Protein backbone atom coordinates (compact mmCIF):
# COMPACT_ATOMS: atom_id res chain seq x y z
CA MET A 1 -5.00 -4.26 -14.91
CA ILE A 2 -3.76 -2.33 -11.90
CA ILE A 3 -4.34 -3.56 -8.44
CA GLY A 4 -3.95 -0.95 -5.72
CA LEU A 5 -3.24 -2.27 -2.20
CA SER A 6 -4.08 -0.44 0.97
CA GLY A 7 -4.34 -1.40 4.54
CA PRO A 8 -2.74 -0.83 8.02
CA ASN A 9 0.66 -1.74 8.99
CA ALA A 10 1.38 -5.58 8.97
CA SER A 11 -1.98 -6.35 7.60
CA GLY A 12 -0.58 -8.56 4.89
CA LYS A 13 -0.11 -6.12 1.92
CA GLY A 14 3.40 -7.20 1.25
CA GLU A 15 2.43 -10.75 1.27
CA VAL A 16 -0.41 -10.18 -1.25
CA ALA A 17 2.03 -8.11 -3.46
CA LYS A 18 4.51 -11.08 -3.44
CA TYR A 19 1.85 -13.54 -4.19
CA LEU A 20 0.51 -11.45 -7.17
CA GLN A 21 4.04 -10.98 -8.39
CA SER A 22 4.31 -14.80 -8.52
CA LYS A 23 1.43 -14.65 -10.76
CA GLY A 24 3.03 -12.32 -13.14
CA TYR A 25 2.15 -8.87 -11.74
CA GLN A 26 4.78 -6.16 -11.80
CA VAL A 27 4.77 -4.83 -8.13
CA TYR A 28 5.64 -1.18 -7.12
CA SER A 29 5.59 -0.01 -3.49
CA LEU A 30 4.56 3.60 -2.46
CA SER A 31 6.44 2.91 0.76
CA ASP A 32 9.68 1.88 -0.94
CA VAL A 33 9.46 5.02 -3.02
CA LEU A 34 9.07 7.01 0.26
CA ARG A 35 11.97 5.18 1.89
CA GLU A 36 14.14 5.92 -1.31
CA GLU A 37 13.24 9.56 -1.25
CA ALA A 38 14.00 9.84 2.56
CA LYS A 39 17.36 8.15 2.16
CA LYS A 40 18.35 10.60 -0.54
CA ILE A 41 18.14 13.54 1.92
CA GLY A 42 19.64 11.51 4.79
CA LEU A 43 16.49 10.88 6.84
CA ASP A 44 16.26 7.80 9.08
CA GLN A 45 13.85 4.96 8.30
CA SER A 46 11.73 5.19 11.45
CA ARG A 47 8.06 4.81 10.82
CA LYS A 48 7.36 8.25 12.61
CA THR A 49 9.97 9.99 10.28
CA LEU A 50 8.58 8.46 7.15
CA ILE A 51 4.95 9.17 7.98
CA ASN A 52 6.01 12.85 8.56
CA PHE A 53 8.06 12.92 5.38
CA GLY A 54 5.21 11.52 3.38
CA TYR A 55 3.00 14.26 4.74
CA GLN A 56 5.54 16.85 3.69
CA LEU A 57 5.86 15.47 0.15
CA ARG A 58 2.03 15.38 -0.26
CA LYS A 59 1.65 18.92 1.06
CA LYS A 60 4.53 20.27 -1.32
CA TYR A 61 3.79 18.30 -4.43
CA GLY A 62 0.14 17.10 -4.23
CA GLU A 63 -1.56 14.05 -2.64
CA GLY A 64 -0.63 11.86 -5.64
CA ILE A 65 3.16 12.46 -5.60
CA LEU A 66 4.12 8.98 -4.67
CA VAL A 67 1.88 7.41 -7.40
CA LYS A 68 3.40 9.81 -9.94
CA LYS A 69 6.90 8.59 -8.91
CA VAL A 70 5.87 5.08 -9.41
CA ASP A 71 4.36 6.05 -12.77
CA GLN A 72 7.73 7.41 -13.72
CA GLN A 73 9.30 4.19 -12.61
CA ILE A 74 6.99 2.20 -14.73
CA HIS A 75 7.60 4.17 -17.82
CA GLN A 76 11.40 4.05 -17.39
CA GLN A 77 11.25 0.38 -17.24
CA GLY A 78 9.19 0.30 -20.31
CA ILE A 79 6.42 -2.09 -18.86
CA HIS A 80 4.25 -3.19 -21.63
CA PRO A 81 0.91 -1.13 -21.44
CA GLU A 82 -1.10 -4.47 -21.22
CA GLY A 83 0.91 -5.75 -18.23
CA ASN A 84 -0.72 -6.34 -14.86
CA ILE A 85 0.56 -4.06 -12.22
CA VAL A 86 0.28 -3.88 -8.35
CA VAL A 87 0.80 -0.59 -6.52
CA ASP A 88 1.33 -1.43 -2.78
CA SER A 89 1.02 0.80 0.24
CA ILE A 90 -1.63 3.31 -0.68
CA ARG A 91 -2.11 5.51 2.32
CA ASN A 92 -4.02 8.57 1.10
CA PRO A 93 -7.21 8.94 -0.93
CA GLY A 94 -5.33 11.26 -3.26
CA GLU A 95 -3.17 8.32 -4.09
CA ILE A 96 -6.20 6.37 -5.26
CA LYS A 97 -7.41 9.38 -7.38
CA GLU A 98 -4.01 9.79 -8.91
CA LEU A 99 -3.81 6.00 -9.57
CA ARG A 100 -7.17 6.04 -11.44
CA LYS A 101 -6.15 9.16 -13.34
CA ILE A 102 -2.86 7.60 -14.68
CA ALA A 103 -4.26 4.23 -15.47
CA ASN A 104 -4.52 5.05 -19.08
CA LYS A 105 -7.65 2.83 -19.81
CA LYS A 106 -6.51 0.05 -17.63
CA LYS A 107 -9.06 -1.18 -15.04
CA VAL A 108 -7.98 -0.15 -11.49
CA ILE A 109 -9.16 -2.09 -8.49
CA ILE A 110 -8.41 -0.94 -5.05
CA LEU A 111 -8.09 -3.95 -2.68
CA GLY A 112 -8.10 -3.26 1.03
CA ILE A 113 -6.23 -5.66 3.31
CA ASP A 114 -7.00 -5.66 6.95
CA ALA A 115 -6.54 -7.77 10.03
CA PRO A 116 -7.23 -7.46 13.80
CA GLU A 117 -4.99 -4.95 15.51
CA ARG A 118 -3.30 -7.29 17.99
CA LEU A 119 -2.43 -9.85 15.29
CA ARG A 120 -0.89 -7.13 13.18
CA TYR A 121 1.25 -6.09 16.20
CA GLU A 122 2.40 -9.73 16.54
CA ARG A 123 3.25 -9.88 12.79
CA LEU A 124 5.19 -6.68 13.06
CA LEU A 125 7.43 -7.98 15.82
CA LYS A 126 8.09 -11.22 13.89
CA ARG A 127 9.04 -9.40 10.73
CA GLY A 128 11.46 -7.13 12.49
CA ARG A 129 11.77 -4.41 9.78
CA LEU A 130 13.98 -1.34 10.32
CA GLY A 131 11.71 1.42 11.68
CA ASP A 132 8.98 -0.88 13.01
CA LEU A 133 7.70 -0.18 16.42
CA LYS A 134 8.72 -2.25 19.41
CA ASN A 135 5.95 -2.03 21.91
CA PHE A 136 2.01 -2.15 21.62
CA PRO A 137 1.26 1.35 22.87
CA GLU A 138 3.68 2.82 20.22
CA PHE A 139 1.97 0.77 17.72
CA VAL A 140 -1.49 1.99 18.66
CA GLN A 141 -0.38 5.63 18.65
CA ALA A 142 1.09 5.14 15.11
CA GLU A 143 -2.27 3.53 14.15
CA LYS A 144 -3.96 6.92 15.15
CA ARG A 145 -1.45 8.93 13.18
CA GLU A 146 -2.09 6.82 10.07
CA ASN A 147 -5.71 7.74 10.27
CA SER A 148 -5.51 11.46 10.42
CA GLU A 149 -8.34 13.83 9.13
CA LYS A 150 -5.42 16.19 7.59
CA LYS A 151 -5.71 16.21 3.80
CA TYR A 152 -2.02 15.46 3.12
CA ALA A 153 -1.64 12.95 5.92
CA GLN A 154 -1.99 9.19 5.95
CA GLN A 155 -5.75 8.27 5.92
CA ILE A 156 -5.71 4.44 5.66
CA SER A 157 -9.11 4.04 7.12
CA LYS A 158 -10.55 6.30 4.36
CA CYS A 159 -8.62 4.32 1.72
CA ILE A 160 -10.13 1.04 2.95
CA GLN A 161 -13.49 2.80 2.67
CA LEU A 162 -12.73 3.48 -0.97
CA ALA A 163 -11.66 0.03 -1.76
CA ASP A 164 -13.47 -2.05 -4.36
CA LYS A 165 -12.90 -5.21 -2.30
CA ILE A 166 -11.75 -5.80 1.32
CA ILE A 167 -9.89 -8.94 2.43
CA ILE A 168 -9.66 -9.74 6.16
CA ASN A 169 -6.33 -11.46 6.81
CA LYS A 170 -6.59 -13.22 10.13
CA GLY A 171 -5.55 -16.82 9.08
CA SER A 172 -2.48 -18.51 7.65
CA LEU A 173 -0.51 -17.41 4.58
CA LYS A 174 -2.14 -20.16 2.62
CA GLN A 175 -5.68 -18.90 3.55
CA LEU A 176 -4.75 -15.45 2.46
CA GLN A 177 -3.46 -16.68 -0.85
CA GLN A 178 -6.75 -18.60 -1.40
CA LYS A 179 -8.65 -15.41 -0.73
CA ILE A 180 -6.44 -13.73 -3.35
CA ASP A 181 -7.14 -16.64 -5.80
CA ASP A 182 -10.86 -16.13 -5.25
CA PHE A 183 -10.59 -12.40 -5.74
CA LEU A 184 -8.65 -12.94 -9.05
CA LYS A 185 -11.39 -15.41 -10.18
CA GLU A 186 -14.12 -12.68 -9.39
CA ILE A 187 -12.13 -10.10 -11.44
CA GLU A 188 -11.82 -12.57 -14.34
CA ASN A 189 -15.62 -13.33 -14.18
CA GLU A 190 -16.48 -9.68 -14.33
CA LYS A 191 -14.66 -9.24 -17.67
């Protein structure tokens, strides 16, 4: 099975990915791929730069380019075809389409992770990741850029609309993990 994770900045996608990894899933991040590609050509790691770079890559190579790069990583590592995989940081509907295309008979479930805007901003400040925004107005502006109508841009709201399931993460980490456990039970019961 492949679980694709989508959601806005600091919604908890990374925590979900870590938790699924603790349950045996192999985790790949489209954001990590983007950061690696940006680093290769000497770009800084600011959120604004990465958003623009992602747009340029999608425009030049197609909306699913980051998923294709993750697919290359999976094949280079020789992951067993039956293994469970998480693809984190889906930000464009074309990435969902590409993920479903390369799934090779595996079931693909897109999981949207969301949380209230102010709570996500507070989480962002606590995590202190390089390239994160430092004030709320910048955060709100970045949110707008991440929900563009442009074909090759980030369209997180559209990705959430395409999700098979949405989890609202407004509680503790333990509560989020319980929601993931419930989600996994639902999936198991559907088999």
